[in-house]
Protein backbone atom coordinates (compact mmCIF):
# COMPACT_ATOMS: atom_id res chain seq x y z
CA MET A 1 -0.20 0.11 0.08
CA SER A 2 1.38 3.64 -1.21
CA ASN A 3 1.57 5.70 1.74
CA GLU A 4 1.34 8.86 -0.62
CA PRO A 5 -2.61 9.45 -1.87
CA PRO A 6 -3.41 9.40 -5.78
CA THR A 7 -3.18 13.32 -6.52
CA SER A 8 -5.30 12.59 -9.69
CA LEU A 9 -7.95 10.79 -11.48
CA ALA A 10 -5.34 8.24 -14.23
CA ALA A 11 -3.09 8.21 -10.87
CA ALA A 12 -6.57 7.05 -9.03
CA LEU A 13 -7.52 4.64 -11.72
CA ASP A 14 -4.14 3.15 -12.29
CA LEU A 15 -5.16 0.68 -14.33
CA ARG A 16 -3.79 -2.26 -15.31
CA LEU A 17 -4.67 -5.02 -18.48
CA SER A 18 -6.22 -7.05 -16.13
CA GLN A 19 -9.14 -4.39 -14.76
CA ILE A 20 -9.73 -3.52 -18.61
CA LEU A 21 -10.05 -7.23 -19.83
CA ARG A 22 -12.91 -8.32 -18.30
CA LEU A 23 -16.74 -9.61 -19.05
CA ASP A 24 -18.11 -6.23 -18.98
CA LEU A 25 -15.54 -4.97 -21.93
CA LEU A 26 -16.82 -8.49 -24.03
CA VAL A 27 -20.32 -7.10 -23.11
CA GLY A 28 -19.40 -4.27 -24.99
CA LEU A 29 -17.90 -5.40 -27.68
CA ILE A 30 -20.81 -7.31 -28.50
CA GLY A 31 -23.42 -4.45 -27.97
CA GLY A 32 -20.59 -1.95 -30.46
CA GLY A 33 -21.40 -5.13 -32.82
CA GLY A 34 -24.67 -4.81 -32.65
CA ALA A 35 -24.51 -0.91 -32.89
CA ILE A 36 -22.61 -1.49 -36.57
CA TRP A 37 -25.39 -3.85 -37.77
CA VAL A 38 -28.00 -0.83 -36.85
CA CYS A 39 -25.59 1.51 -38.57
CA LEU A 40 -25.99 -0.44 -41.74
CA ASN A 41 -29.41 -1.78 -41.66
CA ASP A 42 -31.55 0.01 -39.58
CA VAL A 43 -30.61 3.72 -39.41
CA GLU A 44 -34.16 4.56 -38.73
CA ALA A 45 -34.15 2.44 -35.73
CA LEU A 46 -30.64 4.01 -34.67
CA GLY A 47 -32.44 7.59 -34.03
CA ARG A 48 -35.33 5.94 -31.40
CA LEU A 49 -31.52 4.03 -29.37
CA ILE A 50 -30.02 7.33 -29.03
CA PRO A 51 -32.71 9.18 -26.63
CA ILE A 52 -32.83 5.99 -25.04
CA ALA A 53 -28.89 5.27 -24.52
CA ALA A 54 -28.34 8.64 -23.77
CA THR A 55 -30.83 8.00 -20.93
CA VAL A 56 -29.69 4.91 -19.41
CA ILE A 57 -26.20 6.55 -20.05
CA GLY A 58 -27.52 9.34 -17.50
CA ILE A 59 -29.05 6.89 -14.99
CA VAL A 60 -25.45 4.54 -14.73
CA ILE A 61 -23.83 8.05 -13.77
CA GLY A 62 -26.01 9.33 -11.55
CA ALA A 63 -25.98 5.59 -9.80
CA VAL A 64 -21.85 6.06 -10.18
CA LEU A 65 -21.71 9.49 -8.63
CA ALA A 66 -24.18 8.46 -5.18
CA GLY A 67 -21.90 4.95 -5.04
CA ILE A 68 -18.74 7.09 -4.89
CA ALA A 69 -20.46 9.87 -2.15
CA ILE A 70 -21.51 6.87 -0.22
CA LEU A 71 -18.24 5.44 0.13
CA ALA A 72 -16.37 8.52 0.33
CA SER A 73 -18.73 9.38 3.43
CA TYR A 74 -17.60 6.47 5.25
CA MET A 75 -13.82 7.52 4.59
CA ASP A 76 -13.59 9.83 7.91
CA GLN A 77 -10.51 10.04 9.35
CA GLN A 78 -10.12 7.48 11.81
CA PHE A 79 -11.73 4.94 9.11
CA LEU A 80 -8.21 5.90 6.97
CA ARG A 81 -6.22 5.10 9.97
CA LYS A 82 -7.72 1.61 10.38
CA LEU A 83 -7.43 0.70 7.08
CA ARG A 84 -3.63 1.53 7.37
CA GLU A 85 -3.73 -0.28 10.08
CA ILE A 86 -4.95 -3.59 7.88
CA GLY A 87 -2.57 -2.81 5.23
CA ARG A 88 -5.97 -1.61 2.92
CA GLU A 89 -5.67 1.01 0.00
CA PRO A 90 -9.22 2.80 0.56
CA VAL A 91 -8.87 4.53 -3.20
CA ARG A 92 -9.17 0.72 -4.37
CA TYR A 93 -12.43 0.76 -3.49
CA LEU A 94 -12.98 3.69 -5.97
CA ARG A 95 -11.68 2.79 -8.81
CA PRO A 96 -14.26 0.79 -10.34
CA PHE A 97 -16.64 3.37 -9.82
CA LEU A 98 -14.71 6.01 -11.26
CA PHE A 99 -13.88 3.82 -14.37
CA THR A 100 -17.91 3.52 -14.89
CA ALA A 101 -17.81 7.08 -14.35
CA LEU A 102 -15.39 7.89 -17.12
CA LEU A 103 -16.60 5.05 -19.32
CA GLY A 104 -20.03 6.85 -19.03
CA VAL A 105 -18.49 10.47 -20.05
CA SER A 106 -16.87 8.73 -23.27
CA SER A 107 -20.20 7.03 -23.94
CA SER A 108 -22.06 10.62 -23.68
CA LEU A 109 -19.77 12.24 -25.86
CA LEU A 110 -19.93 9.57 -28.43
CA LEU A 111 -23.92 9.61 -28.53
CA LEU A 112 -23.25 13.24 -29.11
CA ALA A 113 -20.82 12.40 -32.10
CA LEU A 114 -22.89 9.58 -33.14
CA ALA A 115 -26.02 11.97 -32.86
CA VAL A 116 -24.77 14.79 -34.94
CA LEU A 117 -23.54 13.24 -37.83
CA PRO A 118 -24.90 14.47 -41.28
CA ASN A 119 -27.85 11.89 -42.70
CA HIS A 120 -25.72 11.67 -46.14
CA VAL A 121 -22.24 10.15 -44.08
CA ASP A 122 -20.77 7.36 -45.84
CA ALA A 123 -21.45 4.00 -44.13
CA TRP A 124 -18.66 3.34 -43.07
CA VAL A 125 -18.29 6.58 -40.59
CA LEU A 126 -21.61 6.11 -39.68
CA ALA A 127 -21.12 2.29 -38.93
CA SER A 128 -17.37 3.05 -37.29
CA VAL A 129 -18.58 5.82 -34.95
CA GLY A 130 -22.15 3.48 -34.00
CA GLY A 131 -19.41 0.92 -33.28
CA LEU A 132 -17.28 3.23 -30.97
CA THR A 133 -20.45 4.42 -29.40
CA GLY A 134 -22.21 1.23 -29.01
CA THR A 135 -19.42 -0.42 -27.27
CA ALA A 136 -18.92 2.35 -24.65
CA VAL A 137 -23.04 2.41 -23.90
CA TRP A 138 -23.04 -1.37 -23.58
CA TRP A 139 -19.77 -1.34 -21.78
CA THR A 140 -20.65 1.47 -19.29
CA ILE A 141 -23.68 -0.54 -18.39
CA ALA A 142 -22.06 -3.92 -17.93
CA SER A 143 -19.20 -2.35 -15.64
CA VAL A 144 -21.98 -1.68 -13.40
CA ILE A 145 -21.78 -5.76 -12.13
CA ALA A 146 -18.33 -4.73 -11.00
CA ASP A 147 -19.18 -1.85 -9.29
CA LEU A 148 -21.68 -3.51 -7.28
CA ASP A 149 -19.31 -6.18 -6.81
CA VAL A 150 -16.88 -3.94 -5.17
CA LEU A 151 -19.61 -2.18 -3.04
CA VAL A 152 -20.11 -6.34 -1.11
CA GLN A 153 -16.23 -6.08 -0.76
CA PHE A 154 -16.33 -2.52 0.98
CA ILE A 155 -18.77 -3.88 3.36
CA GLY A 156 -16.45 -6.60 4.34
CA LEU A 157 -13.76 -3.81 4.40
CA GLN A 158 -15.78 -2.41 7.30
CA PHE A 159 -16.54 -5.45 8.98
CA ASP A 160 -12.28 -6.05 8.78
CA ALA A 161 -11.67 -2.36 9.85
CA SER A 162 -14.61 -2.52 12.78
CA ASN A 163 -11.95 -5.57 14.93
CA VAL A 164 -9.00 -2.71 14.93
CA PRO A 165 -9.52 -0.42 18.07
CA ASP A 166 -9.92 3.13 17.23
CA LEU A 167 -6.69 4.68 17.08
CA PRO A 168 -5.58 8.13 18.20
CA PRO A 169 -4.59 10.55 15.64
CA PRO A 170 -0.96 10.63 14.46
CA ASP A 171 -0.46 13.76 15.93
CA ALA A 172 -1.53 12.81 19.29
CA ALA A 173 0.18 14.05 22.33
CA GLU A 174 1.11 11.02 24.78
CA PRO A 175 -0.59 11.88 28.36
CA PRO A 176 1.87 12.52 30.60
CA ALA A 177 2.69 9.25 32.97
CA GLY A 178 1.66 9.11 36.35
């Protein structure tokens, strides 16, 4: 466990390949393939799907931010000292939520790009943007499962931390002897 807290979103995410190559990415790729098919075969359906996807992504972003707020509300100084005592990294429990939020923002931007494409755009451009957008949207939605898993782990962490007695602040003066 690092003694220094992360100072940026990139440091907090600390992405590793094992964190990306998971089932939620596979779901995203399948969704991207479906989006390519829709872009090439039923452009009218695409117009109906964009607002639905945008709504769902907005809900996911809101839920993820609520999850981050809930986790952060438990991370007071006493709890953080207990985590340090048992050798646990607090940001580890926020990381999946931050990643899902990042995916959600990316999905929103891609949905905006897809929505503003002109009607007469080449099929390959529409399919490319649609495939990227579909992948991001489906990946975002599926990544919520990893977030739920971390919530369960966080409950276990709270249980582990409850076995550590309350610790005095590191700068607390020792009471005088005698």
